[in-house]
Amino acid sequence: MKRNFLYYIAAALWGIPGIIIAVKGIKAYLVLPKEELWWLLLITVAVLAGFFFMFSRIVKRYSSRIAALPERTTLWQTFPLRGWILILFMSCLGIALRFISGIPAEFTASFYSGLGPMLIYAACRFMF
């Protein structure tokens, strides 16, 4: 496959879960009492900032890796092994969180509303 297509694959692998997670975070915010929102929004901003710096660095590294690949390459070269392990771990962790009962809506709202948009941002950075 052509090297340029790898950017779109990377964007999909980060963006699709980002959309799903952001929607869950927003839905969790909608069921919370209004008086709790101010401090949860502060937590969300902190999560956004943390993931912004982390994902910016990762996207830059992976984009440089893709740019250095030959014009024709394989899908598996999109990320290094460590990147594929990160994607697998985060996916498994996200699936496991769905089956753990008792996770407070406050956590879901603040964490997912920070993580989801930053995954979408990272996906956009892969494409542009």
N, C-alpha and C. Protein backbone atom coordinates (compact mmCIF):
# COMPACT_ATOMS: atom_id res chain seq x y z
N MET A 1 0.84 -1.18 0.00
CA MET A 1 0.00 0.00 0.00
C MET A 1 0.89 1.23 0.00
N LYS A 2 0.30 2.33 -0.43
CA LYS A 2 1.08 3.57 -0.50
C LYS A 2 1.26 4.17 0.89
N ARG A 3 2.40 4.78 1.08
CA ARG A 3 2.75 5.37 2.37
C ARG A 3 1.72 6.40 2.83
N ASN A 4 1.23 7.23 1.93
CA ASN A 4 0.27 8.28 2.33
C ASN A 4 -1.01 7.70 2.93
N PHE A 5 -1.38 6.50 2.50
CA PHE A 5 -2.57 5.85 3.04
C PHE A 5 -2.40 5.52 4.52
N LEU A 6 -1.16 5.32 4.97
CA LEU A 6 -0.90 4.99 6.37
C LEU A 6 -1.32 6.12 7.31
N TYR A 7 -1.26 7.35 6.85
CA TYR A 7 -1.72 8.47 7.67
C TYR A 7 -3.22 8.35 7.95
N TYR A 8 -3.98 7.93 6.94
CA TYR A 8 -5.42 7.78 7.11
C TYR A 8 -5.75 6.59 8.03
N ILE A 9 -4.96 5.54 7.92
CA ILE A 9 -5.15 4.40 8.82
C ILE A 9 -4.88 4.83 10.26
N ALA A 10 -3.78 5.55 10.46
CA ALA A 10 -3.46 6.04 11.81
C ALA A 10 -4.57 6.95 12.33
N ALA A 11 -5.08 7.82 11.46
CA ALA A 11 -6.16 8.72 11.87
C ALA A 11 -7.40 7.93 12.26
N ALA A 12 -7.74 6.90 11.52
CA ALA A 12 -8.91 6.09 11.85
C ALA A 12 -8.71 5.33 13.15
N LEU A 13 -7.51 4.80 13.36
CA LEU A 13 -7.25 4.04 14.59
C LEU A 13 -7.30 4.92 15.84
N TRP A 14 -7.08 6.19 15.69
CA TRP A 14 -7.16 7.11 16.83
C TRP A 14 -8.50 7.84 16.86
N GLY A 15 -9.03 8.18 15.69
CA GLY A 15 -10.22 9.01 15.64
C GLY A 15 -11.53 8.29 15.94
N ILE A 16 -11.68 7.07 15.45
CA ILE A 16 -12.92 6.33 15.69
C ILE A 16 -13.13 6.08 17.18
N PRO A 17 -12.12 5.55 17.90
CA PRO A 17 -12.33 5.42 19.35
C PRO A 17 -12.53 6.78 20.03
N GLY A 18 -11.89 7.82 19.50
CA GLY A 18 -12.05 9.15 20.07
C GLY A 18 -13.49 9.63 20.00
N ILE A 19 -14.14 9.39 18.88
CA ILE A 19 -15.54 9.79 18.74
C ILE A 19 -16.42 9.01 19.71
N ILE A 20 -16.20 7.71 19.78
CA ILE A 20 -16.99 6.87 20.68
C ILE A 20 -16.81 7.31 22.13
N ILE A 21 -15.58 7.55 22.54
CA ILE A 21 -15.29 7.95 23.91
C ILE A 21 -15.85 9.33 24.21
N ALA A 22 -15.71 10.27 23.28
CA ALA A 22 -16.23 11.62 23.51
C ALA A 22 -17.75 11.61 23.67
N VAL A 23 -18.44 10.83 22.87
CA VAL A 23 -19.90 10.73 22.99
C VAL A 23 -20.29 10.18 24.36
N LYS A 24 -19.57 9.14 24.82
CA LYS A 24 -19.86 8.58 26.14
C LYS A 24 -19.63 9.61 27.24
N GLY A 25 -18.56 10.39 27.11
CA GLY A 25 -18.27 11.42 28.10
C GLY A 25 -19.35 12.49 28.14
N ILE A 26 -19.80 12.91 26.97
CA ILE A 26 -20.84 13.94 26.90
C ILE A 26 -22.16 13.40 27.47
N LYS A 27 -22.49 12.14 27.14
CA LYS A 27 -23.71 11.54 27.69
C LYS A 27 -23.64 11.45 29.21
N ALA A 28 -22.45 11.15 29.74
CA ALA A 28 -22.29 11.08 31.19
C ALA A 28 -22.48 12.45 31.83
N TYR A 29 -22.01 13.49 31.17
CA TYR A 29 -22.20 14.86 31.68
C TYR A 29 -23.69 15.22 31.75
N LEU A 30 -24.47 14.75 30.81
CA LEU A 30 -25.88 15.13 30.73
C LEU A 30 -26.72 14.59 31.88
N VAL A 31 -26.26 13.52 32.54
CA VAL A 31 -27.05 12.95 33.64
C VAL A 31 -26.59 13.45 35.01
N LEU A 32 -25.57 14.28 35.06
CA LEU A 32 -25.05 14.75 36.34
C LEU A 32 -25.79 16.01 36.81
N PRO A 33 -25.87 16.19 38.13
CA PRO A 33 -26.50 17.42 38.65
C PRO A 33 -25.68 18.64 38.25
N LYS A 34 -26.37 19.73 38.00
CA LYS A 34 -25.73 20.96 37.53
C LYS A 34 -24.71 21.52 38.52
N GLU A 35 -24.95 21.34 39.82
CA GLU A 35 -24.03 21.92 40.81
C GLU A 35 -22.67 21.23 40.85
N GLU A 36 -22.53 20.05 40.26
CA GLU A 36 -21.25 19.35 40.22
C GLU A 36 -20.42 19.71 38.99
N LEU A 37 -21.01 20.38 38.05
CA LEU A 37 -20.36 20.57 36.75
C LEU A 37 -19.09 21.41 36.81
N TRP A 38 -19.02 22.42 37.65
CA TRP A 38 -17.86 23.32 37.62
C TRP A 38 -16.56 22.59 37.95
N TRP A 39 -16.57 21.73 38.96
CA TRP A 39 -15.32 21.05 39.31
C TRP A 39 -15.03 19.90 38.35
N LEU A 40 -16.05 19.30 37.78
CA LEU A 40 -15.82 18.26 36.78
C LEU A 40 -15.25 18.86 35.49
N LEU A 41 -15.69 20.06 35.17
CA LEU A 41 -15.12 20.74 34.00
C LEU A 41 -13.64 21.07 34.22
N LEU A 42 -13.27 21.41 35.44
CA LEU A 42 -11.86 21.66 35.75
C LEU A 42 -11.03 20.38 35.57
N ILE A 43 -11.59 19.26 36.01
CA ILE A 43 -10.90 17.98 35.84
C ILE A 43 -10.78 17.65 34.35
N THR A 44 -11.85 17.90 33.60
CA THR A 44 -11.83 17.64 32.17
C THR A 44 -10.75 18.48 31.48
N VAL A 45 -10.62 19.74 31.86
CA VAL A 45 -9.59 20.60 31.28
C VAL A 45 -8.20 20.06 31.60
N ALA A 46 -8.01 19.57 32.82
CA ALA A 46 -6.71 18.99 33.19
C ALA A 46 -6.43 17.73 32.36
N VAL A 47 -7.45 16.90 32.17
CA VAL A 47 -7.29 15.69 31.35
C VAL A 47 -6.98 16.08 29.91
N LEU A 48 -7.71 17.07 29.39
CA LEU A 48 -7.44 17.56 28.03
C LEU A 48 -5.99 18.01 27.88
N ALA A 49 -5.52 18.79 28.83
CA ALA A 49 -4.15 19.32 28.77
C ALA A 49 -3.13 18.18 28.82
N GLY A 50 -3.34 17.25 29.73
CA GLY A 50 -2.40 16.13 29.85
C GLY A 50 -2.31 15.32 28.58
N PHE A 51 -3.46 14.96 28.03
CA PHE A 51 -3.46 14.17 26.80
C PHE A 51 -3.00 14.99 25.59
N PHE A 52 -3.24 16.29 25.60
CA PHE A 52 -2.76 17.14 24.50
C PHE A 52 -1.24 17.03 24.37
N PHE A 53 -0.54 17.21 25.47
CA PHE A 53 0.92 17.15 25.42
C PHE A 53 1.42 15.75 25.09
N MET A 54 0.78 14.74 25.66
CA MET A 54 1.21 13.37 25.42
C MET A 54 0.95 12.97 23.95
N PHE A 55 -0.27 13.23 23.46
CA PHE A 55 -0.61 12.81 22.11
C PHE A 55 0.12 13.65 21.06
N SER A 56 0.38 14.92 21.32
CA SER A 56 1.12 15.75 20.36
C SER A 56 2.50 15.15 20.10
N ARG A 57 3.14 14.73 21.16
CA ARG A 57 4.47 14.13 21.04
C ARG A 57 4.41 12.80 20.28
N ILE A 58 3.41 11.99 20.61
CA ILE A 58 3.28 10.67 19.97
C ILE A 58 2.96 10.83 18.48
N VAL A 59 2.04 11.71 18.15
CA VAL A 59 1.66 11.91 16.74
C VAL A 59 2.85 12.42 15.94
N LYS A 60 3.60 13.31 16.52
CA LYS A 60 4.78 13.83 15.82
C LYS A 60 5.78 12.71 15.54
N ARG A 61 6.01 11.87 16.53
CA ARG A 61 6.95 10.76 16.38
C ARG A 61 6.45 9.77 15.32
N TYR A 62 5.16 9.39 15.39
CA TYR A 62 4.63 8.42 14.44
C TYR A 62 4.52 8.99 13.03
N SER A 63 4.19 10.26 12.91
CA SER A 63 4.14 10.90 11.59
C SER A 63 5.53 10.93 10.95
N SER A 64 6.53 11.21 11.75
CA SER A 64 7.91 11.19 11.24
C SER A 64 8.30 9.79 10.80
N ARG A 65 7.86 8.81 11.54
CA ARG A 65 8.15 7.42 11.20
C ARG A 65 7.51 7.07 9.86
N ILE A 66 6.24 7.44 9.68
CA ILE A 66 5.55 7.15 8.42
C ILE A 66 6.23 7.87 7.26
N ALA A 67 6.61 9.12 7.47
CA ALA A 67 7.26 9.89 6.41
C ALA A 67 8.58 9.27 5.98
N ALA A 68 9.26 8.58 6.88
CA ALA A 68 10.55 7.97 6.56
C ALA A 68 10.42 6.61 5.89
N LEU A 69 9.21 6.08 5.81
CA LEU A 69 9.02 4.77 5.19
C LEU A 69 9.13 4.88 3.68
N PRO A 70 9.42 3.76 3.01
CA PRO A 70 9.43 3.78 1.54
C PRO A 70 8.02 4.06 1.01
N GLU A 71 7.94 4.47 -0.25
CA GLU A 71 6.65 4.85 -0.85
C GLU A 71 5.63 3.71 -0.80
N ARG A 72 6.07 2.48 -0.98
CA ARG A 72 5.19 1.31 -0.88
C ARG A 72 5.61 0.54 0.36
N THR A 73 4.64 0.27 1.22
CA THR A 73 4.96 -0.38 2.49
C THR A 73 3.77 -1.22 2.95
N THR A 74 3.85 -1.75 4.15
CA THR A 74 2.76 -2.58 4.68
C THR A 74 2.02 -1.83 5.79
N LEU A 75 0.83 -2.29 6.06
CA LEU A 75 -0.01 -1.72 7.11
C LEU A 75 0.69 -1.76 8.46
N TRP A 76 1.39 -2.83 8.75
CA TRP A 76 2.00 -3.02 10.08
C TRP A 76 3.12 -2.04 10.35
N GLN A 77 3.60 -1.36 9.33
CA GLN A 77 4.67 -0.40 9.53
C GLN A 77 4.15 0.97 9.94
N THR A 78 2.83 1.12 10.02
CA THR A 78 2.24 2.40 10.42
C THR A 78 2.79 2.84 11.77
N PHE A 79 2.83 1.92 12.72
CA PHE A 79 3.34 2.20 14.06
C PHE A 79 4.43 1.19 14.39
N PRO A 80 5.31 1.54 15.31
CA PRO A 80 6.26 0.54 15.79
C PRO A 80 5.51 -0.47 16.67
N LEU A 81 6.15 -1.56 17.02
CA LEU A 81 5.52 -2.57 17.86
C LEU A 81 4.97 -1.95 19.14
N ARG A 82 5.72 -1.06 19.71
CA ARG A 82 5.29 -0.38 20.94
C ARG A 82 3.97 0.38 20.73
N GLY A 83 3.79 0.98 19.57
CA GLY A 83 2.56 1.69 19.25
C GLY A 83 1.37 0.76 19.12
N TRP A 84 1.59 -0.38 18.47
CA TRP A 84 0.51 -1.36 18.35
C TRP A 84 0.13 -1.91 19.72
N ILE A 85 1.13 -2.13 20.57
CA ILE A 85 0.85 -2.61 21.93
C ILE A 85 0.07 -1.56 22.70
N LEU A 86 0.41 -0.28 22.54
CA LEU A 86 -0.34 0.80 23.20
C LEU A 86 -1.79 0.81 22.74
N ILE A 87 -2.04 0.69 21.46
CA ILE A 87 -3.40 0.68 20.93
C ILE A 87 -4.16 -0.53 21.47
N LEU A 88 -3.53 -1.68 21.49
CA LEU A 88 -4.17 -2.89 22.00
C LEU A 88 -4.48 -2.76 23.49
N PHE A 89 -3.53 -2.25 24.26
CA PHE A 89 -3.72 -2.08 25.70
C PHE A 89 -4.85 -1.10 25.99
N MET A 90 -4.85 0.04 25.31
CA MET A 90 -5.89 1.04 25.55
C MET A 90 -7.27 0.52 25.13
N SER A 91 -7.33 -0.23 24.05
CA SER A 91 -8.60 -0.82 23.62
C SER A 91 -9.12 -1.82 24.65
N CYS A 92 -8.24 -2.69 25.11
CA CYS A 92 -8.63 -3.68 26.12
C CYS A 92 -9.05 -3.00 27.43
N LEU A 93 -8.34 -1.96 27.81
CA LEU A 93 -8.69 -1.23 29.02
C LEU A 93 -10.06 -0.57 28.88
N GLY A 94 -10.33 0.02 27.73
CA GLY A 94 -11.63 0.63 27.48
C GLY A 94 -12.76 -0.38 27.52
N ILE A 95 -12.53 -1.55 26.94
CA ILE A 95 -13.54 -2.61 26.97
C ILE A 95 -13.74 -3.10 28.39
N ALA A 96 -12.65 -3.28 29.13
CA ALA A 96 -12.76 -3.75 30.51
C ALA A 96 -13.53 -2.76 31.39
N LEU A 97 -13.33 -1.45 31.16
CA LEU A 97 -14.05 -0.44 31.95
C LEU A 97 -15.56 -0.54 31.76
N ARG A 98 -16.00 -1.00 30.61
CA ARG A 98 -17.44 -1.14 30.37
C ARG A 98 -18.05 -2.23 31.24
N PHE A 99 -17.26 -3.22 31.62
CA PHE A 99 -17.78 -4.34 32.38
C PHE A 99 -17.58 -4.21 33.89
N ILE A 100 -16.91 -3.16 34.32
CA ILE A 100 -16.70 -2.93 35.75
C ILE A 100 -17.88 -2.10 36.26
N SER A 101 -18.61 -2.68 37.17
CA SER A 101 -19.75 -1.94 37.71
C SER A 101 -19.25 -0.99 38.80
N GLY A 102 -19.98 0.06 39.00
CA GLY A 102 -19.64 0.99 40.07
C GLY A 102 -18.71 2.12 39.69
N ILE A 103 -18.38 2.24 38.40
CA ILE A 103 -17.55 3.38 37.99
C ILE A 103 -18.46 4.61 38.01
N PRO A 104 -18.09 5.61 38.78
CA PRO A 104 -18.96 6.79 38.91
C PRO A 104 -19.11 7.55 37.60
N ALA A 105 -20.28 8.11 37.40
CA ALA A 105 -20.56 8.91 36.21
C ALA A 105 -19.63 10.12 36.16
N GLU A 106 -19.21 10.62 37.32
CA GLU A 106 -18.28 11.76 37.37
C GLU A 106 -16.96 11.42 36.70
N PHE A 107 -16.47 10.19 36.95
CA PHE A 107 -15.23 9.75 36.31
C PHE A 107 -15.42 9.65 34.80
N THR A 108 -16.48 8.99 34.41
CA THR A 108 -16.75 8.82 32.98
C THR A 108 -16.87 10.17 32.29
N ALA A 109 -17.61 11.08 32.91
CA ALA A 109 -17.82 12.39 32.30
C ALA A 109 -16.51 13.15 32.15
N SER A 110 -15.76 13.27 33.22
CA SER A 110 -14.56 14.10 33.18
C SER A 110 -13.43 13.45 32.38
N PHE A 111 -13.20 12.17 32.57
CA PHE A 111 -12.08 11.51 31.89
C PHE A 111 -12.37 11.32 30.41
N TYR A 112 -13.54 10.78 30.08
CA TYR A 112 -13.87 10.52 28.68
C TYR A 112 -14.03 11.81 27.89
N SER A 113 -14.54 12.86 28.52
CA SER A 113 -14.69 14.14 27.82
C SER A 113 -13.35 14.80 27.57
N GLY A 114 -12.32 14.38 28.27
CA GLY A 114 -10.98 14.86 28.00
C GLY A 114 -10.24 13.98 27.01
N LEU A 115 -10.36 12.67 27.18
CA LEU A 115 -9.65 11.73 26.33
C LEU A 115 -10.19 11.71 24.90
N GLY A 116 -11.51 11.66 24.75
CA GLY A 116 -12.12 11.56 23.43
C GLY A 116 -11.72 12.68 22.48
N PRO A 117 -11.91 13.94 22.88
CA PRO A 117 -11.51 15.04 21.98
C PRO A 117 -10.02 15.04 21.65
N MET A 118 -9.18 14.62 22.57
CA MET A 118 -7.75 14.59 22.28
C MET A 118 -7.40 13.47 21.31
N LEU A 119 -8.12 12.35 21.35
CA LEU A 119 -7.92 11.32 20.34
C LEU A 119 -8.36 11.82 18.97
N ILE A 120 -9.45 12.55 18.93
CA ILE A 120 -9.92 13.14 17.67
C ILE A 120 -8.90 14.15 17.16
N TYR A 121 -8.37 14.97 18.07
CA TYR A 121 -7.33 15.95 17.70
C TYR A 121 -6.11 15.22 17.10
N ALA A 122 -5.70 14.14 17.74
CA ALA A 122 -4.55 13.38 17.24
C ALA A 122 -4.84 12.82 15.85
N ALA A 123 -6.06 12.33 15.65
CA ALA A 123 -6.44 11.81 14.34
C ALA A 123 -6.36 12.90 13.28
N CYS A 124 -6.83 14.08 13.61
CA CYS A 124 -6.76 15.22 12.68
C CYS A 124 -5.31 15.58 12.36
N ARG A 125 -4.45 15.50 13.35
CA ARG A 125 -3.03 15.81 13.13
C ARG A 125 -2.39 14.81 12.18
N PHE A 126 -2.84 13.55 12.20
CA PHE A 126 -2.31 12.57 11.26
C PHE A 126 -2.72 12.90 9.83
N MET A 127 -3.90 13.48 9.67
CA MET A 127 -4.40 13.74 8.32
C MET A 127 -3.90 15.07 7.75
N PHE A 128 -3.60 16.04 8.61
CA PHE A 128 -3.23 17.38 8.11
C PHE A 128 -1.84 17.77 8.52
